[in-house]
């Protein structure tokens, strides 16, 4: 009976020593900052006719590593941070290219890949593949 009590006491003390689960951002990239437009506030904000979905609503995910060859992106490194924007219903992709030009991405159903080198020349600078590397400031899912 005493041994049962001691075992229970030890188990209770061990359970108090557990570290609570923490939410860890799964962002794998170090040099490249997230490229999704952080000013997006969600449906109807700032107005019903002009808004963009938040990154969490879109579920933006980033990959660190070589870009999958199926996307036909050339001249990237193995330590590339990259993503493909998949916009929810009622929105469509908008890429703000460096220089203030907005693009809807590739046409004909071809995926548009946004990517950033983690090291070397041009590290930390985002680009989008539109048949060639085009410098990218941000991307978003804009209401249609």
N, C-alpha and C. Protein backbone atom coordinates (compact mmCIF):
# COMPACT_ATOMS: atom_id res chain seq x y z
N UNK A 1 0.81 -1.19 0.00
CA UNK A 1 0.00 0.00 0.00
C UNK A 1 0.86 1.26 0.00
N UNK A 2 1.91 1.24 0.80
CA UNK A 2 2.79 2.39 0.85
C UNK A 2 3.51 2.56 -0.48
N UNK A 3 3.90 1.45 -1.12
CA UNK A 3 4.58 1.55 -2.42
C UNK A 3 3.63 2.12 -3.47
N UNK A 4 2.36 1.76 -3.43
CA UNK A 4 1.37 2.32 -4.35
C UNK A 4 1.26 3.83 -4.15
N UNK A 5 1.20 4.26 -2.90
CA UNK A 5 1.12 5.68 -2.58
C UNK A 5 2.35 6.43 -3.09
N UNK A 6 3.54 5.86 -2.90
CA UNK A 6 4.77 6.49 -3.35
C UNK A 6 4.82 6.61 -4.87
N UNK A 7 4.36 5.56 -5.55
CA UNK A 7 4.33 5.60 -7.02
C UNK A 7 3.39 6.71 -7.49
N UNK A 8 2.22 6.81 -6.88
CA UNK A 8 1.26 7.87 -7.25
C UNK A 8 1.85 9.24 -6.98
N UNK A 9 2.53 9.40 -5.86
CA UNK A 9 3.14 10.68 -5.51
C UNK A 9 4.21 11.07 -6.53
N UNK A 10 5.03 10.11 -6.94
CA UNK A 10 6.07 10.36 -7.94
C UNK A 10 5.43 10.75 -9.27
N UNK A 11 4.39 10.05 -9.69
CA UNK A 11 3.72 10.36 -10.95
C UNK A 11 3.10 11.76 -10.93
N UNK A 12 2.52 12.14 -9.82
CA UNK A 12 1.93 13.48 -9.70
C UNK A 12 3.03 14.52 -9.81
N UNK A 13 4.14 14.32 -9.15
CA UNK A 13 5.24 15.27 -9.20
C UNK A 13 5.82 15.37 -10.61
N UNK A 14 5.94 14.24 -11.30
CA UNK A 14 6.44 14.25 -12.68
C UNK A 14 5.49 14.99 -13.61
N UNK A 15 4.19 14.83 -13.42
CA UNK A 15 3.24 15.53 -14.28
C UNK A 15 3.32 17.04 -14.09
N UNK A 16 3.67 17.50 -12.92
CA UNK A 16 3.83 18.94 -12.69
C UNK A 16 5.07 19.49 -13.38
N UNK A 17 6.03 18.62 -13.67
CA UNK A 17 7.28 19.06 -14.28
C UNK A 17 7.18 19.15 -15.80
N UNK A 18 6.09 18.70 -16.39
CA UNK A 18 5.95 18.73 -17.84
C UNK A 18 5.87 20.17 -18.35
N UNK A 19 6.49 20.42 -19.47
CA UNK A 19 6.44 21.74 -20.10
C UNK A 19 5.19 21.78 -20.97
N UNK A 20 4.38 22.82 -20.85
CA UNK A 20 3.17 22.90 -21.67
C UNK A 20 3.53 23.01 -23.16
N UNK A 21 2.64 22.53 -23.98
CA UNK A 21 2.83 22.60 -25.43
C UNK A 21 2.88 24.06 -25.86
N UNK A 22 3.82 24.36 -26.75
CA UNK A 22 3.95 25.72 -27.25
C UNK A 22 3.61 25.73 -28.72
N UNK A 23 3.02 26.84 -29.17
CA UNK A 23 2.78 27.02 -30.60
C UNK A 23 4.08 27.48 -31.23
N UNK A 24 4.59 26.70 -32.14
CA UNK A 24 5.84 27.02 -32.81
C UNK A 24 5.54 27.35 -34.26
N UNK A 25 6.01 28.49 -34.72
CA UNK A 25 5.82 28.90 -36.10
C UNK A 25 6.60 27.95 -36.99
N UNK A 26 5.94 27.27 -37.93
CA UNK A 26 6.65 26.30 -38.76
C UNK A 26 7.45 26.93 -39.90
N UNK A 27 7.66 28.23 -39.86
CA UNK A 27 8.39 28.92 -40.92
C UNK A 27 9.84 28.43 -40.94
N UNK A 28 10.26 27.76 -42.02
CA UNK A 28 11.57 27.11 -42.04
C UNK A 28 12.73 28.01 -42.48
N UNK A 29 12.46 29.19 -42.99
CA UNK A 29 13.49 30.03 -43.60
C UNK A 29 14.09 30.97 -42.56
N UNK A 30 15.36 31.28 -42.73
CA UNK A 30 16.05 32.15 -41.77
C UNK A 30 16.36 33.53 -42.36
N UNK A 31 16.93 33.58 -43.55
CA UNK A 31 17.33 34.83 -44.18
C UNK A 31 16.15 35.54 -44.83
N UNK A 32 15.28 34.79 -45.43
CA UNK A 32 14.15 35.35 -46.19
C UNK A 32 12.95 35.59 -45.25
N UNK A 33 12.46 36.82 -45.23
CA UNK A 33 11.27 37.15 -44.45
C UNK A 33 10.03 36.62 -45.18
N UNK A 34 8.96 36.42 -44.45
CA UNK A 34 7.71 35.99 -45.09
C UNK A 34 7.30 37.01 -46.13
N UNK A 35 6.78 36.55 -47.27
CA UNK A 35 6.47 37.44 -48.39
C UNK A 35 4.97 37.76 -48.51
N UNK A 36 4.10 37.01 -47.81
CA UNK A 36 2.68 37.31 -47.91
C UNK A 36 2.41 38.66 -47.26
N UNK A 37 1.55 39.47 -47.87
CA UNK A 37 1.25 40.84 -47.45
C UNK A 37 0.67 40.85 -46.03
N UNK A 38 1.46 41.34 -45.08
CA UNK A 38 1.03 41.35 -43.68
C UNK A 38 0.00 42.44 -43.38
N UNK A 39 -0.26 43.31 -44.34
CA UNK A 39 -1.28 44.35 -44.11
C UNK A 39 -2.69 43.84 -44.39
N UNK A 40 -2.83 42.65 -44.97
CA UNK A 40 -4.16 42.11 -45.25
C UNK A 40 -4.88 41.82 -43.94
N UNK A 41 -6.15 42.29 -43.85
CA UNK A 41 -6.91 42.21 -42.60
C UNK A 41 -8.10 41.26 -42.66
N UNK A 42 -8.39 40.70 -43.84
CA UNK A 42 -9.48 39.74 -43.94
C UNK A 42 -10.72 40.29 -44.63
N UNK A 43 -11.71 39.45 -44.75
CA UNK A 43 -12.93 39.74 -45.49
C UNK A 43 -13.57 41.06 -45.07
N UNK A 44 -13.78 41.93 -46.06
CA UNK A 44 -14.50 43.19 -45.84
C UNK A 44 -13.71 44.31 -45.21
N UNK A 45 -12.43 44.10 -44.90
CA UNK A 45 -11.62 45.14 -44.26
C UNK A 45 -10.43 45.47 -45.17
N UNK A 46 -10.21 46.69 -45.57
CA UNK A 46 -10.80 47.92 -45.04
C UNK A 46 -12.17 48.27 -45.60
N UNK A 47 -12.59 47.65 -46.72
CA UNK A 47 -13.94 47.93 -47.22
C UNK A 47 -14.49 46.68 -47.91
N UNK A 48 -15.80 46.60 -48.08
CA UNK A 48 -16.40 45.43 -48.72
C UNK A 48 -15.95 45.23 -50.17
N UNK A 49 -15.48 46.30 -50.80
CA UNK A 49 -15.08 46.19 -52.22
C UNK A 49 -13.56 46.12 -52.41
N UNK A 50 -12.81 46.27 -51.34
CA UNK A 50 -11.35 46.27 -51.46
C UNK A 50 -10.73 45.66 -50.20
N UNK A 51 -10.44 44.36 -50.25
CA UNK A 51 -9.86 43.67 -49.11
C UNK A 51 -9.00 42.50 -49.60
N UNK A 52 -8.20 41.97 -48.71
CA UNK A 52 -7.41 40.77 -49.02
C UNK A 52 -7.42 39.84 -47.82
N UNK A 53 -7.35 38.54 -48.12
CA UNK A 53 -7.39 37.52 -47.08
C UNK A 53 -6.10 37.56 -46.25
N UNK A 54 -6.21 37.24 -44.97
CA UNK A 54 -5.03 37.18 -44.11
C UNK A 54 -4.21 35.93 -44.46
N UNK A 55 -2.95 35.95 -44.08
CA UNK A 55 -2.08 34.80 -44.34
C UNK A 55 -2.63 33.54 -43.67
N UNK A 56 -3.19 33.67 -42.48
CA UNK A 56 -3.73 32.50 -41.79
C UNK A 56 -4.98 31.97 -42.50
N UNK A 57 -5.80 32.86 -43.07
CA UNK A 57 -6.98 32.42 -43.83
C UNK A 57 -6.56 31.69 -45.11
N UNK A 58 -5.46 32.13 -45.68
CA UNK A 58 -4.96 31.51 -46.92
C UNK A 58 -4.25 30.20 -46.61
N UNK A 59 -3.61 30.14 -45.45
CA UNK A 59 -2.84 28.95 -45.11
C UNK A 59 -1.50 28.91 -45.85
N UNK A 60 -0.86 30.07 -45.94
CA UNK A 60 0.42 30.15 -46.66
C UNK A 60 1.44 29.24 -45.98
N UNK A 61 2.09 28.42 -46.77
CA UNK A 61 3.16 27.58 -46.24
C UNK A 61 4.41 27.77 -47.09
N UNK A 62 5.54 27.65 -46.45
CA UNK A 62 6.82 27.86 -47.10
C UNK A 62 7.65 26.58 -47.02
N UNK A 63 8.47 26.36 -48.04
CA UNK A 63 9.35 25.20 -48.09
C UNK A 63 10.78 25.70 -48.19
N UNK A 64 11.69 25.06 -47.48
CA UNK A 64 13.11 25.36 -47.60
C UNK A 64 13.77 24.17 -48.27
N UNK A 65 14.32 24.38 -49.44
CA UNK A 65 14.97 23.31 -50.18
C UNK A 65 14.83 23.55 -51.66
N UNK A 66 15.31 22.61 -52.46
CA UNK A 66 15.24 22.80 -53.91
C UNK A 66 13.78 22.87 -54.37
N UNK A 67 13.52 23.73 -55.34
CA UNK A 67 12.17 23.84 -55.90
C UNK A 67 11.90 22.61 -56.75
N UNK A 68 10.74 22.04 -56.56
CA UNK A 68 10.35 20.84 -57.29
C UNK A 68 10.46 21.08 -58.79
N UNK A 69 11.16 20.19 -59.51
CA UNK A 69 11.37 20.38 -60.96
C UNK A 69 10.08 20.48 -61.77
N UNK A 70 8.97 19.98 -61.24
CA UNK A 70 7.71 20.05 -61.99
C UNK A 70 7.26 21.49 -62.23
N UNK A 71 7.81 22.46 -61.47
CA UNK A 71 7.41 23.85 -61.62
C UNK A 71 8.25 24.63 -62.63
N UNK A 72 9.27 24.02 -63.18
CA UNK A 72 10.05 24.62 -64.26
C UNK A 72 10.67 25.96 -63.87
N UNK A 73 11.16 26.07 -62.64
CA UNK A 73 11.86 27.28 -62.20
C UNK A 73 13.36 27.00 -62.31
N UNK A 74 14.07 27.86 -63.01
CA UNK A 74 15.48 27.62 -63.28
C UNK A 74 16.39 28.52 -62.45
N UNK A 75 17.64 28.07 -62.32
CA UNK A 75 18.71 28.84 -61.66
C UNK A 75 18.40 29.19 -60.21
N UNK A 76 17.97 28.22 -59.44
CA UNK A 76 17.79 28.41 -58.00
C UNK A 76 18.72 27.45 -57.27
N UNK A 77 18.92 27.70 -56.00
CA UNK A 77 19.84 26.91 -55.18
C UNK A 77 19.08 25.89 -54.34
N UNK A 78 19.82 24.97 -53.73
CA UNK A 78 19.20 23.97 -52.86
C UNK A 78 18.67 24.58 -51.56
N UNK A 79 19.20 25.75 -51.18
CA UNK A 79 18.74 26.39 -49.95
C UNK A 79 17.77 27.53 -50.27
N UNK A 80 16.84 27.26 -51.14
CA UNK A 80 15.85 28.25 -51.55
C UNK A 80 14.60 28.14 -50.68
N UNK A 81 14.09 29.28 -50.24
CA UNK A 81 12.80 29.35 -49.55
C UNK A 81 11.77 29.63 -50.64
N UNK A 82 10.70 28.84 -50.70
CA UNK A 82 9.72 29.05 -51.77
C UNK A 82 8.31 28.70 -51.34
N UNK A 83 7.36 29.23 -52.10
CA UNK A 83 5.95 29.00 -51.81
C UNK A 83 5.13 29.13 -53.09
N UNK A 84 3.98 28.52 -53.08
CA UNK A 84 3.00 28.66 -54.16
C UNK A 84 1.71 29.14 -53.50
N UNK A 85 1.20 30.24 -53.98
CA UNK A 85 0.00 30.85 -53.40
C UNK A 85 -1.25 30.16 -53.92
N UNK A 86 -2.06 29.67 -53.00
CA UNK A 86 -3.32 29.03 -53.35
C UNK A 86 -4.44 29.81 -52.66
N UNK A 87 -5.12 30.66 -53.41
CA UNK A 87 -6.10 31.58 -52.84
C UNK A 87 -7.46 30.93 -52.62
N UNK A 88 -8.13 31.31 -51.52
CA UNK A 88 -9.47 30.78 -51.25
C UNK A 88 -10.50 31.36 -52.22
N UNK A 89 -11.64 30.71 -52.25
CA UNK A 89 -12.76 31.15 -53.10
C UNK A 89 -13.10 32.60 -52.81
N UNK A 90 -13.38 33.36 -53.88
CA UNK A 90 -13.73 34.76 -53.75
C UNK A 90 -12.53 35.69 -53.81
N UNK A 91 -11.34 35.10 -53.94
CA UNK A 91 -10.12 35.90 -54.05
C UNK A 91 -9.26 35.36 -55.19
N UNK A 92 -8.31 36.16 -55.63
CA UNK A 92 -7.36 35.70 -56.64
C UNK A 92 -5.98 36.27 -56.32
N UNK A 93 -4.95 35.58 -56.79
CA UNK A 93 -3.57 35.94 -56.49
C UNK A 93 -3.20 37.28 -57.12
N UNK A 94 -2.46 38.07 -56.35
CA UNK A 94 -1.89 39.32 -56.83
C UNK A 94 -0.44 39.37 -56.33
N UNK A 95 0.46 39.60 -57.26
CA UNK A 95 1.88 39.69 -56.94
C UNK A 95 2.32 41.13 -57.16
N UNK A 96 2.81 41.79 -56.09
CA UNK A 96 3.30 43.15 -56.20
C UNK A 96 4.79 43.07 -56.53
N UNK A 97 5.09 43.32 -57.79
CA UNK A 97 6.47 43.24 -58.26
C UNK A 97 7.21 44.51 -57.89
N UNK A 98 8.51 44.41 -57.72
CA UNK A 98 9.33 45.56 -57.41
C UNK A 98 9.16 46.60 -58.51
N UNK A 99 8.90 47.83 -58.12
CA UNK A 99 8.64 48.89 -59.09
C UNK A 99 7.17 49.26 -59.13
N UNK A 100 6.34 48.61 -58.30
CA UNK A 100 4.93 48.98 -58.22
C UNK A 100 4.01 48.32 -59.23
N UNK A 101 4.50 47.35 -59.99
CA UNK A 101 3.67 46.65 -60.98
C UNK A 101 2.99 45.47 -60.29
N UNK A 102 1.71 45.28 -60.58
CA UNK A 102 0.96 44.14 -60.04
C UNK A 102 0.74 43.11 -61.13
N UNK A 103 0.94 41.84 -60.77
CA UNK A 103 0.74 40.73 -61.71
C UNK A 103 -0.22 39.72 -61.10
N UNK A 104 -0.96 39.04 -61.95
CA UNK A 104 -1.83 37.94 -61.50
C UNK A 104 -1.10 36.61 -61.56
N UNK A 105 0.17 36.63 -61.94
CA UNK A 105 0.95 35.40 -61.99
C UNK A 105 0.94 34.79 -63.37
N UNK A 106 1.33 33.54 -63.45
CA UNK A 106 1.39 32.82 -64.73
C UNK A 106 -0.01 32.52 -65.25
N UNK A 107 -0.12 32.46 -66.57
CA UNK A 107 -1.40 32.17 -67.21
C UNK A 107 -1.43 30.71 -67.68
N UNK A 108 -2.58 30.27 -68.08
CA UNK A 108 -2.73 28.93 -68.63
C UNK A 108 -2.68 27.82 -67.59
N UNK A 109 -2.96 28.13 -66.33
CA UNK A 109 -3.00 27.10 -65.31
C UNK A 109 -1.64 26.72 -64.73
N UNK A 110 -0.57 27.36 -65.21
CA UNK A 110 0.76 27.07 -64.68
C UNK A 110 0.93 27.73 -63.31
N UNK A 111 1.43 26.97 -62.34
CA UNK A 111 1.63 27.51 -60.99
C UNK A 111 2.64 28.66 -61.00
N UNK A 112 2.43 29.63 -60.14
CA UNK A 112 3.37 30.73 -59.98
C UNK A 112 4.15 30.48 -58.69
N UNK A 113 5.46 30.35 -58.82
CA UNK A 113 6.32 30.05 -57.68
C UNK A 113 7.02 31.34 -57.24
N UNK A 114 6.90 31.64 -55.95
CA UNK A 114 7.64 32.75 -55.34
C UNK A 114 8.81 32.13 -54.59
N UNK A 115 10.00 32.71 -54.71
CA UNK A 115 11.18 32.08 -54.12
C UNK A 115 12.20 33.12 -53.67
N UNK A 116 13.09 32.69 -52.75
CA UNK A 116 14.09 33.57 -52.16
C UNK A 116 15.30 32.74 -51.78
N UNK A 117 16.48 33.20 -52.19
CA UNK A 117 17.72 32.51 -51.84
C UNK A 117 18.08 32.80 -50.39
N UNK A 118 18.46 31.77 -49.67
CA UNK A 118 18.85 31.92 -48.27
C UNK A 118 20.31 32.34 -48.11
N UNK A 119 21.13 32.15 -49.15
CA UNK A 119 22.54 32.51 -49.06
C UNK A 119 23.06 32.94 -50.43
N UNK A 120 24.25 33.54 -50.42
CA UNK A 120 24.87 33.95 -51.67
C UNK A 120 24.34 35.29 -52.18
N UNK A 121 24.69 35.58 -53.43
CA UNK A 121 24.27 36.84 -54.05
C UNK A 121 22.74 36.89 -54.13
N UNK A 122 22.16 37.98 -53.67
CA UNK A 122 20.71 38.13 -53.71
C UNK A 122 19.98 37.44 -52.58
N UNK A 123 20.70 36.99 -51.55
CA UNK A 123 20.05 36.32 -50.42
C UNK A 123 19.06 37.26 -49.75
N UNK A 124 17.91 36.74 -49.40
CA UNK A 124 16.88 37.52 -48.71
C UNK A 124 15.97 38.31 -49.62
N UNK A 125 16.20 38.22 -50.92
CA UNK A 125 15.38 38.97 -51.88
C UNK A 125 14.41 38.02 -52.57
N UNK A 126 13.13 38.31 -52.47
CA UNK A 126 12.10 37.47 -53.08
C UNK A 126 11.98 37.77 -54.57
N UNK A 127 11.62 36.75 -55.31
CA UNK A 127 11.35 36.88 -56.74
C UNK A 127 10.18 35.96 -57.06
N UNK A 128 9.61 36.15 -58.22
CA UNK A 128 8.53 35.29 -58.69
C UNK A 128 8.95 34.80 -60.07
N UNK A 129 8.58 33.56 -60.39
CA UNK A 129 8.93 32.99 -61.68
C UNK A 129 7.80 33.23 -62.66
N UNK A 130 8.03 34.14 -63.60
CA UNK A 130 7.06 34.43 -64.66
C UNK A 130 7.78 34.22 -66.00
N UNK A 131 8.37 33.04 -66.15
CA UNK A 131 9.19 32.75 -67.33
C UNK A 131 10.62 33.21 -67.13
N UNK A 132 10.84 34.02 -66.13
CA UNK A 132 12.16 34.48 -65.70
C UNK A 132 12.03 34.98 -64.27
N UNK A 133 13.16 35.23 -63.60
CA UNK A 133 13.13 35.75 -62.24
C UNK A 133 12.72 37.22 -62.27
N UNK A 134 11.63 37.57 -61.59
CA UNK A 134 11.14 38.94 -61.49
C UNK A 134 11.14 39.31 -60.00
N UNK A 135 11.82 40.40 -59.59
CA UNK A 135 11.83 40.79 -58.18
C UNK A 135 10.41 41.02 -57.64
N UNK A 136 10.18 40.55 -56.43
CA UNK A 136 8.85 40.55 -55.81
C UNK A 136 8.90 41.25 -54.47
N UNK A 137 7.96 42.18 -54.25
CA UNK A 137 7.86 42.84 -52.94
C UNK A 137 6.92 42.09 -52.00
N UNK A 138 5.77 41.65 -52.51
CA UNK A 138 4.81 40.92 -51.67
C UNK A 138 3.77 40.23 -52.56
N UNK A 139 2.98 39.38 -51.94
CA UNK A 139 1.89 38.71 -52.64
C UNK A 139 0.69 38.68 -51.72
N UNK A 140 -0.50 38.53 -52.31
CA UNK A 140 -1.72 38.51 -51.51
C UNK A 140 -2.83 37.81 -52.30
N UNK A 141 -3.89 37.48 -51.58
CA UNK A 141 -5.13 36.97 -52.21
C UNK A 141 -6.15 38.10 -52.08
N UNK A 142 -6.39 38.75 -53.20
CA UNK A 142 -7.25 39.94 -53.27
C UNK A 142 -8.68 39.53 -53.61
N UNK A 143 -9.66 40.25 -53.04
CA UNK A 143 -11.05 39.94 -53.37
C UNK A 143 -11.29 40.18 -54.87
N UNK A 144 -12.23 39.41 -55.44
CA UNK A 144 -12.57 39.56 -56.87
C UNK A 144 -13.90 40.26 -57.03
